[in-house]
Amino acid sequence: MTRPLNISDAHRCIFVHVPKAAGTSIKKALDMPGGGHPTWMHFEKNFPERWQNYRTFSVVRNPWERLVSAFSYAQMENSHWHDGHHAKHPDFDTLKGKSFSDCVQMLIHERDRLKHESWHPQFPWLVSHENGQLVSKVQQILNCSNLEKDFANLCALWNIECAPLGRLNQSSHTRYRDYYDDTTKALASQFYKVDIQLFKFDF
């Protein structure tokens, strides 16, 4: 029988997987199936009993760093989930040979050209459309910048025994701040304004 995506019946928990926020490593540690990124509404609608009774958590990431990671990931011909010959990243051809500045300009002015979910702001995965507030059912929101400690604390709090948190599906890039100039920083800050305010991120 197929196991539900991003749900662990063994640990009685649900993981709301925001793209490019260490989710692949989390799912590997908790033996959760699948590679998709459904929002909280997917679980409420399709698995209401689990949604009501299981513990729920997510991970968010500094949006400026996440954008650099998404850009670097899109330019990888081969990665954890993508094979350059059979299943390329959906934006690999679009961004091939492009600079980070080109990517940011595209994100702002030609948004429809970028297909992967990792370009989206993070808040839609965790916020109610009715009131714009974080969904209270997601009890724990971890920070990617302190993930090993946060995840260990979560496992201790919920009395979960799991494999060590590895590093999977990573892209290769230098310090994210080095990618930005004043223009790209301002554009990214505006595009991810809600994430920055909601999750209290600093550049």
N, C-alpha and C. Protein backbone atom coordinates (compact mmCIF):
# COMPACT_ATOMS: atom_id res chain seq x y z
N MET A 1 0.84 -1.19 0.00
CA MET A 1 0.00 0.00 0.00
C MET A 1 0.88 1.25 0.00
N THR A 2 0.55 2.23 -0.81
CA THR A 2 1.32 3.47 -0.90
C THR A 2 1.15 4.30 0.36
N ARG A 3 2.25 4.75 0.92
CA ARG A 3 2.18 5.58 2.13
C ARG A 3 1.93 7.03 1.76
N PRO A 4 1.18 7.74 2.58
CA PRO A 4 0.89 9.15 2.27
C PRO A 4 2.15 10.01 2.27
N LEU A 5 2.19 10.94 1.36
CA LEU A 5 3.32 11.83 1.19
C LEU A 5 3.55 12.70 2.43
N ASN A 6 4.79 12.71 2.93
CA ASN A 6 5.23 13.60 4.01
C ASN A 6 4.50 13.35 5.34
N ILE A 7 4.02 12.12 5.51
CA ILE A 7 3.38 11.72 6.76
C ILE A 7 4.10 10.50 7.31
N SER A 8 4.36 10.50 8.60
CA SER A 8 4.91 9.32 9.27
C SER A 8 3.87 8.77 10.23
N ASP A 9 3.31 7.62 9.89
CA ASP A 9 2.39 6.97 10.81
C ASP A 9 3.15 6.38 12.00
N ALA A 10 4.39 5.98 11.75
CA ALA A 10 5.19 5.41 12.85
C ALA A 10 5.44 6.45 13.94
N HIS A 11 5.72 7.68 13.54
CA HIS A 11 6.00 8.75 14.51
C HIS A 11 4.79 9.65 14.74
N ARG A 12 3.69 9.37 14.05
CA ARG A 12 2.46 10.15 14.18
C ARG A 12 2.73 11.65 14.00
N CYS A 13 3.35 11.96 12.87
CA CYS A 13 3.62 13.37 12.59
C CYS A 13 3.49 13.66 11.10
N ILE A 14 3.26 14.92 10.79
CA ILE A 14 3.14 15.43 9.44
C ILE A 14 4.19 16.51 9.24
N PHE A 15 4.85 16.47 8.10
CA PHE A 15 5.86 17.47 7.77
C PHE A 15 5.38 18.29 6.60
N VAL A 16 5.17 19.58 6.82
CA VAL A 16 4.81 20.49 5.73
C VAL A 16 6.12 20.95 5.10
N HIS A 17 6.41 20.41 3.93
CA HIS A 17 7.72 20.55 3.31
C HIS A 17 7.77 21.77 2.41
N VAL A 18 8.35 22.86 2.90
CA VAL A 18 8.60 24.04 2.09
C VAL A 18 9.78 23.74 1.15
N PRO A 19 9.68 24.01 -0.14
CA PRO A 19 10.79 23.70 -1.06
C PRO A 19 12.07 24.45 -0.71
N LYS A 20 13.20 23.77 -0.89
CA LYS A 20 14.54 24.31 -0.65
C LYS A 20 14.72 24.79 0.78
N ALA A 21 14.23 23.98 1.73
CA ALA A 21 14.42 24.29 3.15
C ALA A 21 14.77 23.02 3.92
N ALA A 22 15.70 22.23 3.36
CA ALA A 22 16.25 21.03 4.00
C ALA A 22 15.23 19.90 4.18
N GLY A 23 14.15 19.95 3.43
CA GLY A 23 13.10 18.96 3.61
C GLY A 23 13.50 17.55 3.23
N THR A 24 14.33 17.39 2.21
CA THR A 24 14.74 16.05 1.80
C THR A 24 15.49 15.34 2.93
N SER A 25 16.34 16.08 3.63
CA SER A 25 17.08 15.51 4.75
C SER A 25 16.14 15.12 5.89
N ILE A 26 15.15 15.96 6.16
CA ILE A 26 14.16 15.68 7.20
C ILE A 26 13.40 14.40 6.88
N LYS A 27 12.93 14.28 5.63
CA LYS A 27 12.12 13.12 5.26
C LYS A 27 12.95 11.84 5.29
N LYS A 28 14.21 11.94 4.93
CA LYS A 28 15.08 10.78 5.00
C LYS A 28 15.24 10.32 6.45
N ALA A 29 15.45 11.27 7.35
CA ALA A 29 15.66 10.93 8.77
C ALA A 29 14.42 10.29 9.38
N LEU A 30 13.23 10.72 8.95
CA LEU A 30 11.98 10.21 9.52
C LEU A 30 11.34 9.12 8.66
N ASP A 31 12.04 8.70 7.60
CA ASP A 31 11.54 7.67 6.69
C ASP A 31 10.16 8.04 6.14
N MET A 32 10.06 9.27 5.65
CA MET A 32 8.82 9.73 5.02
C MET A 32 8.95 9.57 3.51
N PRO A 33 7.89 9.15 2.83
CA PRO A 33 7.98 8.91 1.39
C PRO A 33 7.77 10.17 0.57
N GLY A 34 8.26 10.12 -0.66
CA GLY A 34 7.90 11.10 -1.67
C GLY A 34 8.77 12.32 -1.73
N GLY A 35 8.64 13.05 -2.84
CA GLY A 35 9.45 14.23 -3.06
C GLY A 35 8.64 15.49 -3.30
N GLY A 36 7.34 15.47 -3.01
CA GLY A 36 6.49 16.62 -3.29
C GLY A 36 6.44 17.62 -2.14
N HIS A 37 5.72 18.74 -2.41
CA HIS A 37 5.65 19.85 -1.45
C HIS A 37 4.22 20.33 -1.24
N PRO A 38 3.30 19.46 -0.82
CA PRO A 38 1.94 19.95 -0.59
C PRO A 38 1.88 20.91 0.59
N THR A 39 0.97 21.88 0.50
CA THR A 39 0.79 22.83 1.59
C THR A 39 -0.03 22.18 2.71
N TRP A 40 -0.20 22.93 3.80
CA TRP A 40 -0.97 22.40 4.93
C TRP A 40 -2.40 22.03 4.53
N MET A 41 -2.96 22.73 3.54
CA MET A 41 -4.35 22.48 3.14
C MET A 41 -4.54 21.09 2.54
N HIS A 42 -3.50 20.58 1.90
CA HIS A 42 -3.56 19.23 1.34
C HIS A 42 -3.84 18.20 2.44
N PHE A 43 -3.17 18.35 3.56
CA PHE A 43 -3.34 17.38 4.65
C PHE A 43 -4.69 17.55 5.33
N GLU A 44 -5.10 18.79 5.53
CA GLU A 44 -6.39 19.04 6.15
C GLU A 44 -7.52 18.45 5.30
N LYS A 45 -7.41 18.61 3.98
CA LYS A 45 -8.47 18.15 3.08
C LYS A 45 -8.45 16.65 2.86
N ASN A 46 -7.26 16.08 2.63
CA ASN A 46 -7.17 14.68 2.22
C ASN A 46 -6.91 13.70 3.34
N PHE A 47 -6.38 14.18 4.45
CA PHE A 47 -6.10 13.30 5.59
C PHE A 47 -6.60 13.96 6.87
N PRO A 48 -7.90 14.25 6.95
CA PRO A 48 -8.42 15.04 8.08
C PRO A 48 -8.19 14.40 9.44
N GLU A 49 -8.29 13.09 9.52
CA GLU A 49 -8.10 12.43 10.82
C GLU A 49 -6.65 12.56 11.28
N ARG A 50 -5.72 12.33 10.38
CA ARG A 50 -4.31 12.50 10.74
C ARG A 50 -4.02 13.98 11.05
N TRP A 51 -4.58 14.88 10.25
CA TRP A 51 -4.35 16.31 10.46
C TRP A 51 -4.79 16.73 11.86
N GLN A 52 -5.89 16.19 12.32
CA GLN A 52 -6.38 16.55 13.65
C GLN A 52 -5.60 15.89 14.77
N ASN A 53 -5.07 14.71 14.53
CA ASN A 53 -4.50 13.92 15.63
C ASN A 53 -2.98 13.81 15.62
N TYR A 54 -2.35 14.08 14.49
CA TYR A 54 -0.89 13.97 14.43
C TYR A 54 -0.25 15.32 14.74
N ARG A 55 0.99 15.26 15.20
CA ARG A 55 1.78 16.47 15.39
C ARG A 55 2.29 16.94 14.04
N THR A 56 2.43 18.25 13.90
CA THR A 56 2.77 18.82 12.60
C THR A 56 3.89 19.84 12.75
N PHE A 57 4.83 19.81 11.79
CA PHE A 57 5.94 20.75 11.85
C PHE A 57 6.39 21.13 10.45
N SER A 58 7.24 22.15 10.38
CA SER A 58 7.79 22.59 9.11
C SER A 58 9.16 23.21 9.35
N VAL A 59 9.83 23.57 8.27
CA VAL A 59 11.12 24.27 8.32
C VAL A 59 11.06 25.44 7.37
N VAL A 60 11.52 26.61 7.81
CA VAL A 60 11.62 27.77 6.93
C VAL A 60 13.09 28.18 6.84
N ARG A 61 13.37 28.98 5.81
CA ARG A 61 14.77 29.33 5.52
C ARG A 61 14.89 30.81 5.18
N ASN A 62 16.00 31.41 5.58
CA ASN A 62 16.28 32.79 5.20
C ASN A 62 16.01 32.96 3.70
N PRO A 63 15.10 33.85 3.31
CA PRO A 63 14.71 33.92 1.89
C PRO A 63 15.81 34.36 0.95
N TRP A 64 16.74 35.20 1.40
CA TRP A 64 17.85 35.60 0.53
C TRP A 64 18.77 34.40 0.28
N GLU A 65 19.04 33.63 1.32
CA GLU A 65 19.85 32.42 1.16
C GLU A 65 19.11 31.38 0.32
N ARG A 66 17.83 31.23 0.57
CA ARG A 66 17.02 30.25 -0.16
C ARG A 66 16.99 30.56 -1.65
N LEU A 67 16.93 31.84 -2.01
CA LEU A 67 16.93 32.23 -3.41
C LEU A 67 18.24 31.86 -4.09
N VAL A 68 19.35 32.08 -3.41
CA VAL A 68 20.66 31.69 -3.95
C VAL A 68 20.72 30.18 -4.12
N SER A 69 20.21 29.46 -3.13
CA SER A 69 20.20 28.01 -3.22
C SER A 69 19.33 27.53 -4.37
N ALA A 70 18.17 28.14 -4.54
CA ALA A 70 17.28 27.76 -5.65
C ALA A 70 17.94 28.03 -6.99
N PHE A 71 18.63 29.16 -7.10
CA PHE A 71 19.33 29.50 -8.35
C PHE A 71 20.44 28.49 -8.63
N SER A 72 21.25 28.19 -7.63
CA SER A 72 22.36 27.25 -7.81
C SER A 72 21.84 25.85 -8.14
N TYR A 73 20.77 25.48 -7.49
CA TYR A 73 20.16 24.16 -7.71
C TYR A 73 19.62 24.04 -9.14
N ALA A 74 18.99 25.10 -9.63
CA ALA A 74 18.43 25.08 -10.98
C ALA A 74 19.51 24.94 -12.04
N GLN A 75 20.72 25.38 -11.74
CA GLN A 75 21.81 25.32 -12.71
C GLN A 75 22.59 24.00 -12.65
N MET A 76 22.20 23.11 -11.73
CA MET A 76 22.86 21.81 -11.65
C MET A 76 22.25 20.85 -12.67
N GLU A 77 23.08 20.29 -13.50
CA GLU A 77 22.57 19.34 -14.49
C GLU A 77 22.11 18.05 -13.85
N ASN A 78 22.77 17.65 -12.75
CA ASN A 78 22.37 16.46 -12.00
C ASN A 78 22.29 16.81 -10.52
N SER A 79 21.25 16.32 -9.87
CA SER A 79 21.07 16.55 -8.43
C SER A 79 20.36 15.35 -7.83
N HIS A 80 19.99 15.46 -6.56
CA HIS A 80 19.33 14.36 -5.87
C HIS A 80 18.04 13.94 -6.58
N TRP A 81 17.26 14.92 -7.06
CA TRP A 81 15.97 14.62 -7.67
C TRP A 81 15.98 14.74 -9.20
N HIS A 82 17.03 15.30 -9.77
CA HIS A 82 17.00 15.57 -11.21
C HIS A 82 18.20 14.95 -11.92
N ASP A 83 17.91 14.37 -13.07
CA ASP A 83 18.91 13.75 -13.92
C ASP A 83 18.97 14.57 -15.21
N GLY A 84 20.15 15.05 -15.56
CA GLY A 84 20.28 15.91 -16.72
C GLY A 84 19.85 15.28 -18.02
N HIS A 85 19.77 13.96 -18.07
CA HIS A 85 19.41 13.29 -19.32
C HIS A 85 17.92 12.96 -19.40
N HIS A 86 17.30 12.65 -18.26
CA HIS A 86 15.92 12.17 -18.30
C HIS A 86 14.93 13.06 -17.56
N ALA A 87 15.34 13.70 -16.49
CA ALA A 87 14.41 14.51 -15.69
C ALA A 87 15.13 15.75 -15.20
N LYS A 88 15.40 16.66 -16.12
CA LYS A 88 16.13 17.88 -15.76
C LYS A 88 15.29 18.76 -14.84
N HIS A 89 15.99 19.57 -14.06
CA HIS A 89 15.30 20.61 -13.30
C HIS A 89 14.48 21.42 -14.30
N PRO A 90 13.22 21.76 -13.97
CA PRO A 90 12.36 22.44 -14.95
C PRO A 90 12.88 23.80 -15.41
N ASP A 91 13.82 24.39 -14.65
CA ASP A 91 14.36 25.69 -15.02
C ASP A 91 15.81 25.63 -15.47
N PHE A 92 16.33 24.41 -15.66
CA PHE A 92 17.73 24.27 -16.03
C PHE A 92 18.02 24.97 -17.36
N ASP A 93 17.23 24.71 -18.38
CA ASP A 93 17.47 25.31 -19.69
C ASP A 93 17.24 26.82 -19.67
N THR A 94 16.25 27.26 -18.92
CA THR A 94 15.95 28.69 -18.84
C THR A 94 17.10 29.48 -18.22
N LEU A 95 17.74 28.90 -17.20
CA LEU A 95 18.77 29.62 -16.45
C LEU A 95 20.19 29.24 -16.85
N LYS A 96 20.33 28.34 -17.79
CA LYS A 96 21.67 27.93 -18.22
C LYS A 96 22.43 29.13 -18.76
N GLY A 97 23.60 29.39 -18.20
CA GLY A 97 24.43 30.50 -18.62
C GLY A 97 24.01 31.85 -18.08
N LYS A 98 22.95 31.90 -17.28
CA LYS A 98 22.47 33.15 -16.73
C LYS A 98 23.16 33.46 -15.41
N SER A 99 23.28 34.74 -15.09
CA SER A 99 23.85 35.17 -13.81
C SER A 99 22.76 35.22 -12.75
N PHE A 100 23.19 35.36 -11.50
CA PHE A 100 22.21 35.50 -10.42
C PHE A 100 21.36 36.75 -10.62
N SER A 101 21.99 37.83 -11.06
CA SER A 101 21.24 39.06 -11.34
C SER A 101 20.19 38.83 -12.42
N ASP A 102 20.53 38.08 -13.46
CA ASP A 102 19.57 37.74 -14.51
C ASP A 102 18.38 36.99 -13.91
N CYS A 103 18.68 36.07 -13.00
CA CYS A 103 17.64 35.26 -12.37
C CYS A 103 16.70 36.13 -11.55
N VAL A 104 17.26 37.05 -10.77
CA VAL A 104 16.42 37.92 -9.94
C VAL A 104 15.54 38.80 -10.82
N GLN A 105 16.09 39.36 -11.89
CA GLN A 105 15.30 40.17 -12.80
C GLN A 105 14.17 39.34 -13.42
N MET A 106 14.47 38.11 -13.76
CA MET A 106 13.46 37.22 -14.31
C MET A 106 12.37 36.93 -13.28
N LEU A 107 12.78 36.72 -12.05
CA LEU A 107 11.83 36.45 -10.97
C LEU A 107 10.83 37.59 -10.81
N ILE A 108 11.30 38.81 -10.97
CA ILE A 108 10.45 39.98 -10.79
C ILE A 108 9.65 40.31 -12.05
N HIS A 109 10.28 40.27 -13.20
CA HIS A 109 9.67 40.80 -14.42
C HIS A 109 9.16 39.73 -15.38
N GLU A 110 9.64 38.49 -15.25
CA GLU A 110 9.18 37.41 -16.13
C GLU A 110 8.89 36.17 -15.31
N ARG A 111 8.10 36.37 -14.28
CA ARG A 111 7.89 35.32 -13.28
C ARG A 111 7.42 34.00 -13.87
N ASP A 112 6.61 34.04 -14.90
CA ASP A 112 6.04 32.82 -15.46
C ASP A 112 7.08 31.92 -16.12
N ARG A 113 8.26 32.45 -16.40
CA ARG A 113 9.29 31.64 -17.04
C ARG A 113 9.93 30.65 -16.07
N LEU A 114 9.81 30.91 -14.78
CA LEU A 114 10.41 30.04 -13.76
C LEU A 114 9.35 29.12 -13.20
N LYS A 115 9.56 27.82 -13.34
CA LYS A 115 8.51 26.83 -13.08
C LYS A 115 8.59 26.15 -11.71
N HIS A 116 9.76 26.04 -11.15
CA HIS A 116 9.91 25.25 -9.92
C HIS A 116 9.28 25.95 -8.72
N GLU A 117 8.78 25.15 -7.79
CA GLU A 117 8.13 25.70 -6.59
C GLU A 117 9.08 26.46 -5.68
N SER A 118 10.36 26.21 -5.82
CA SER A 118 11.33 26.82 -4.89
C SER A 118 11.43 28.33 -5.03
N TRP A 119 10.90 28.90 -6.14
CA TRP A 119 10.93 30.35 -6.30
C TRP A 119 9.82 31.03 -5.51
N HIS A 120 8.78 30.28 -5.17
CA HIS A 120 7.64 30.87 -4.47
C HIS A 120 8.04 31.32 -3.06
N PRO A 121 7.40 32.36 -2.53
CA PRO A 121 7.55 32.65 -1.10
C PRO A 121 7.12 31.45 -0.27
N GLN A 122 7.56 31.41 0.96
CA GLN A 122 7.30 30.26 1.82
C GLN A 122 5.96 30.32 2.54
N PHE A 123 5.44 31.52 2.75
CA PHE A 123 4.27 31.65 3.62
C PHE A 123 3.04 30.89 3.13
N PRO A 124 2.80 30.70 1.81
CA PRO A 124 1.58 29.97 1.41
C PRO A 124 1.52 28.54 1.95
N TRP A 125 2.65 27.95 2.26
CA TRP A 125 2.65 26.59 2.80
C TRP A 125 2.13 26.55 4.25
N LEU A 126 2.14 27.70 4.91
CA LEU A 126 1.91 27.69 6.36
C LEU A 126 0.87 28.69 6.84
N VAL A 127 0.29 29.45 5.95
CA VAL A 127 -0.61 30.54 6.34
C VAL A 127 -2.02 30.28 5.84
N SER A 128 -3.00 30.65 6.67
CA SER A 128 -4.40 30.55 6.27
C SER A 128 -4.75 31.63 5.26
N HIS A 129 -5.44 31.25 4.20
CA HIS A 129 -5.88 32.23 3.21
C HIS A 129 -6.98 33.13 3.76
N GLU A 130 -7.65 32.68 4.80
CA GLU A 130 -8.78 33.44 5.35
C GLU A 130 -8.34 34.64 6.16
N ASN A 131 -7.29 34.44 7.00
CA ASN A 131 -6.90 35.54 7.89
C ASN A 131 -5.44 35.95 7.77
N GLY A 132 -4.68 35.26 6.92
CA GLY A 132 -3.28 35.62 6.74
C GLY A 132 -2.39 35.29 7.91
N GLN A 133 -2.88 34.48 8.83
CA GLN A 133 -2.12 34.11 10.02
C GLN A 133 -1.54 32.71 9.85
N LEU A 134 -0.45 32.45 10.59
CA LEU A 134 0.11 31.10 10.59
C LEU A 134 -0.92 30.11 11.12
N VAL A 135 -0.98 28.94 10.48
CA VAL A 135 -1.93 27.91 10.88
C VAL A 135 -1.47 27.32 12.21
N SER A 136 -2.30 27.41 13.21
CA SER A 136 -1.90 26.99 14.56
C SER A 136 -1.64 25.49 14.65
N LYS A 137 -2.21 24.71 13.74
CA LYS A 137 -2.01 23.26 13.77
C LYS A 137 -0.56 22.88 13.48
N VAL A 138 0.18 23.75 12.81
CA VAL A 138 1.61 23.50 12.60
C VAL A 138 2.33 23.96 13.86
N GLN A 139 2.51 23.02 14.80
CA GLN A 139 2.96 23.39 16.14
C GLN A 139 4.40 23.87 16.21
N GLN A 140 5.25 23.34 15.34
CA GLN A 140 6.67 23.66 15.40
C GLN A 140 7.16 24.11 14.03
N ILE A 141 7.79 25.29 13.98
CA ILE A 141 8.41 25.76 12.75
C ILE A 141 9.90 25.94 13.02
N LEU A 142 10.71 25.08 12.44
CA LEU A 142 12.15 25.07 12.66
C LEU A 142 12.83 26.05 11.71
N ASN A 143 14.04 26.46 12.08
CA ASN A 143 14.81 27.39 11.25
C ASN A 143 15.95 26.64 10.59
N CYS A 144 16.03 26.75 9.28
CA CYS A 144 17.05 26.02 8.54
C CYS A 144 18.47 26.38 8.98
N SER A 145 18.68 27.60 9.43
CA SER A 145 20.02 28.03 9.82
C SER A 145 20.50 27.36 11.10
N ASN A 146 19.59 26.77 11.84
CA ASN A 146 19.94 26.10 13.10
C ASN A 146 19.30 24.71 13.14
N LEU A 147 19.27 24.08 11.97
CA LEU A 147 18.39 22.93 11.80
C LEU A 147 18.79 21.71 12.62
N GLU A 148 20.07 21.39 12.66
CA GLU A 148 20.46 20.18 13.39
C GLU A 148 20.04 20.26 14.85
N LYS A 149 20.28 21.41 15.47
CA LYS A 149 19.88 21.59 16.87
C LYS A 149 18.36 21.63 17.01
N ASP A 150 17.69 22.39 16.14
CA ASP A 150 16.24 22.48 16.22
C ASP A 150 15.58 21.13 16.01
N PHE A 151 16.10 20.35 15.04
CA PHE A 151 15.51 19.04 14.77
C PHE A 151 15.75 18.07 15.92
N ALA A 152 16.96 18.12 16.49
CA ALA A 152 17.25 17.27 17.65
C ALA A 152 16.33 17.62 18.83
N ASN A 153 16.10 18.90 19.04
CA ASN A 153 15.20 19.33 20.11
C ASN A 153 13.77 18.87 19.85
N LEU A 154 13.35 18.94 18.58
CA LEU A 154 12.01 18.49 18.24
C LEU A 154 11.85 16.99 18.51
N CYS A 155 12.83 16.21 18.08
CA CYS A 155 12.77 14.77 18.31
C CYS A 155 12.74 14.44 19.80
N ALA A 156 13.51 15.18 20.59
CA ALA A 156 13.50 14.96 22.04
C ALA A 156 12.16 15.34 22.64
N LEU A 157 11.60 16.46 22.18
CA LEU A 157 10.30 16.93 22.69
C LEU A 157 9.20 15.93 22.38
N TRP A 158 9.23 15.36 21.19
CA TRP A 158 8.18 14.44 20.76
C TRP A 158 8.55 12.97 21.01
N ASN A 159 9.70 12.74 21.65
CA ASN A 159 10.14 11.38 21.98
C ASN A 159 10.23 10.52 20.72
N ILE A 160 10.89 11.07 19.70
CA ILE A 160 11.08 10.38 18.43
C ILE A 160 12.53 9.93 18.32
N GLU A 161 12.72 8.66 18.01
CA GLU A 161 14.05 8.15 17.70
C GLU A 161 14.17 8.04 16.19
N CYS A 162 15.19 8.70 15.63
CA CYS A 162 15.32 8.66 14.17
C CYS A 162 16.80 8.74 13.81
N ALA A 163 17.07 8.53 12.53
CA ALA A 163 18.43 8.59 12.03
C ALA A 163 18.98 10.01 12.15
N PRO A 164 20.31 10.15 12.24
CA PRO A 164 20.89 11.50 12.25
C PRO A 164 20.49 12.29 11.01
N LEU A 165 20.42 13.58 11.18
CA LEU A 165 20.00 14.44 10.08
C LEU A 165 21.17 14.64 9.12
N GLY A 166 21.08 14.07 7.92
CA GLY A 166 22.14 14.21 6.94
C GLY A 166 21.93 15.44 6.09
N ARG A 167 22.75 15.58 5.06
CA ARG A 167 22.64 16.72 4.14
C ARG A 167 22.42 16.18 2.74
N LEU A 168 21.17 16.29 2.29
CA LEU A 168 20.80 15.77 0.98
C LEU A 168 20.25 16.89 0.10
N ASN A 169 20.30 16.66 -1.21
CA ASN A 169 19.72 17.59 -2.18
C ASN A 169 20.29 19.00 -2.06
N GLN A 170 21.57 19.09 -1.75
CA GLN A 170 22.20 20.40 -1.61
C GLN A 170 22.65 20.95 -2.96
N SER A 171 22.70 22.25 -3.04
CA SER A 171 23.34 22.90 -4.18
C SER A 171 24.68 23.45 -3.72
N SER A 172 25.53 23.77 -4.68
CA SER A 172 26.87 24.24 -4.35
C SER A 172 26.97 25.74 -4.63
N HIS A 173 27.24 26.51 -3.58
CA HIS A 173 27.40 27.95 -3.75
C HIS A 173 28.21 28.52 -2.60
N THR A 174 28.75 29.71 -2.79
CA THR A 174 29.50 30.38 -1.74
C THR A 174 28.53 31.10 -0.81
N ARG A 175 29.03 31.97 0.06
CA ARG A 175 28.15 32.69 0.98
C ARG A 175 27.07 33.44 0.22
N TYR A 176 25.85 33.29 0.66
CA TYR A 176 24.75 33.88 -0.11
C TYR A 176 24.85 35.39 -0.22
N ARG A 177 25.38 36.07 0.79
CA ARG A 177 25.47 37.53 0.74
C ARG A 177 26.36 38.00 -0.42
N ASP A 178 27.32 37.16 -0.81
CA ASP A 178 28.24 37.54 -1.88
C ASP A 178 27.55 37.63 -3.24
N TYR A 179 26.38 37.06 -3.37
CA TYR A 179 25.67 37.06 -4.64
C TYR A 179 24.92 38.38 -4.89
N TYR A 180 24.70 39.13 -3.83
CA TYR A 180 23.80 40.28 -3.93
C TYR A 180 24.55 41.59 -4.10
N ASP A 181 23.93 42.48 -4.88
CA ASP A 181 24.29 43.89 -4.87
C ASP A 181 23.07 44.65 -4.35
N ASP A 182 23.13 45.96 -4.31
CA ASP A 182 22.02 46.73 -3.75
C ASP A 182 20.72 46.49 -4.51
N THR A 183 20.82 46.37 -5.83
CA THR A 183 19.62 46.19 -6.64
C THR A 183 18.97 44.84 -6.40
N THR A 184 19.75 43.77 -6.48
CA THR A 184 19.17 42.44 -6.31
C THR A 184 18.68 42.23 -4.88
N LYS A 185 19.37 42.81 -3.91
CA LYS A 185 18.91 42.70 -2.53
C LYS A 185 17.56 43.38 -2.35
N ALA A 186 17.41 44.58 -2.93
CA ALA A 186 16.15 45.31 -2.81
C ALA A 186 15.01 44.57 -3.51
N LEU A 187 15.27 44.02 -4.69
CA LEU A 187 14.25 43.29 -5.43
C LEU A 187 13.82 42.04 -4.68
N ALA A 188 14.79 41.27 -4.20
CA ALA A 188 14.46 40.05 -3.46
C ALA A 188 13.74 40.37 -2.15
N SER A 189 14.16 41.44 -1.50
CA SER A 189 13.52 41.84 -0.24
C SER A 189 12.05 42.17 -0.45
N GLN A 190 11.75 42.83 -1.54
CA GLN A 190 10.36 43.17 -1.83
C GLN A 190 9.56 41.92 -2.21
N PHE A 191 10.16 41.05 -3.02
CA PHE A 191 9.45 39.86 -3.47
C PHE A 191 9.12 38.94 -2.30
N TYR A 192 10.03 38.83 -1.35
CA TYR A 192 9.84 37.94 -0.20
C TYR A 192 9.47 38.72 1.06
N LYS A 193 8.84 39.85 0.89
CA LYS A 193 8.53 40.75 2.01
C LYS A 193 7.72 40.05 3.10
N VAL A 194 6.71 39.28 2.70
CA VAL A 194 5.86 38.62 3.70
C VAL A 194 6.66 37.59 4.49
N ASP A 195 7.48 36.79 3.81
CA ASP A 195 8.33 35.82 4.52
C ASP A 195 9.23 36.52 5.53
N ILE A 196 9.85 37.61 5.10
CA ILE A 196 10.80 38.32 5.95
C ILE A 196 10.11 38.84 7.20
N GLN A 197 8.93 39.40 7.04
CA GLN A 197 8.20 39.95 8.18
C GLN A 197 7.61 38.84 9.06
N LEU A 198 7.02 37.85 8.42
CA LEU A 198 6.31 36.80 9.17
C LEU A 198 7.26 35.95 9.99
N PHE A 199 8.41 35.58 9.40
CA PHE A 199 9.35 34.70 10.09
C PHE A 199 10.53 35.43 10.68
N LYS A 200 10.52 36.77 10.58
CA LYS A 200 11.50 37.64 11.24
C LYS A 200 12.93 37.34 10.79
N PHE A 201 13.15 37.38 9.49
CA PHE A 201 14.47 37.15 8.92
C PHE A 201 15.21 38.45 8.71
N ASP A 202 16.52 38.40 8.89
CA ASP A 202 17.41 39.51 8.57
C ASP A 202 18.39 39.05 7.49
N PHE A 203 18.79 40.01 6.66
CA PHE A 203 19.74 39.70 5.59
C PHE A 203 21.06 39.22 6.16
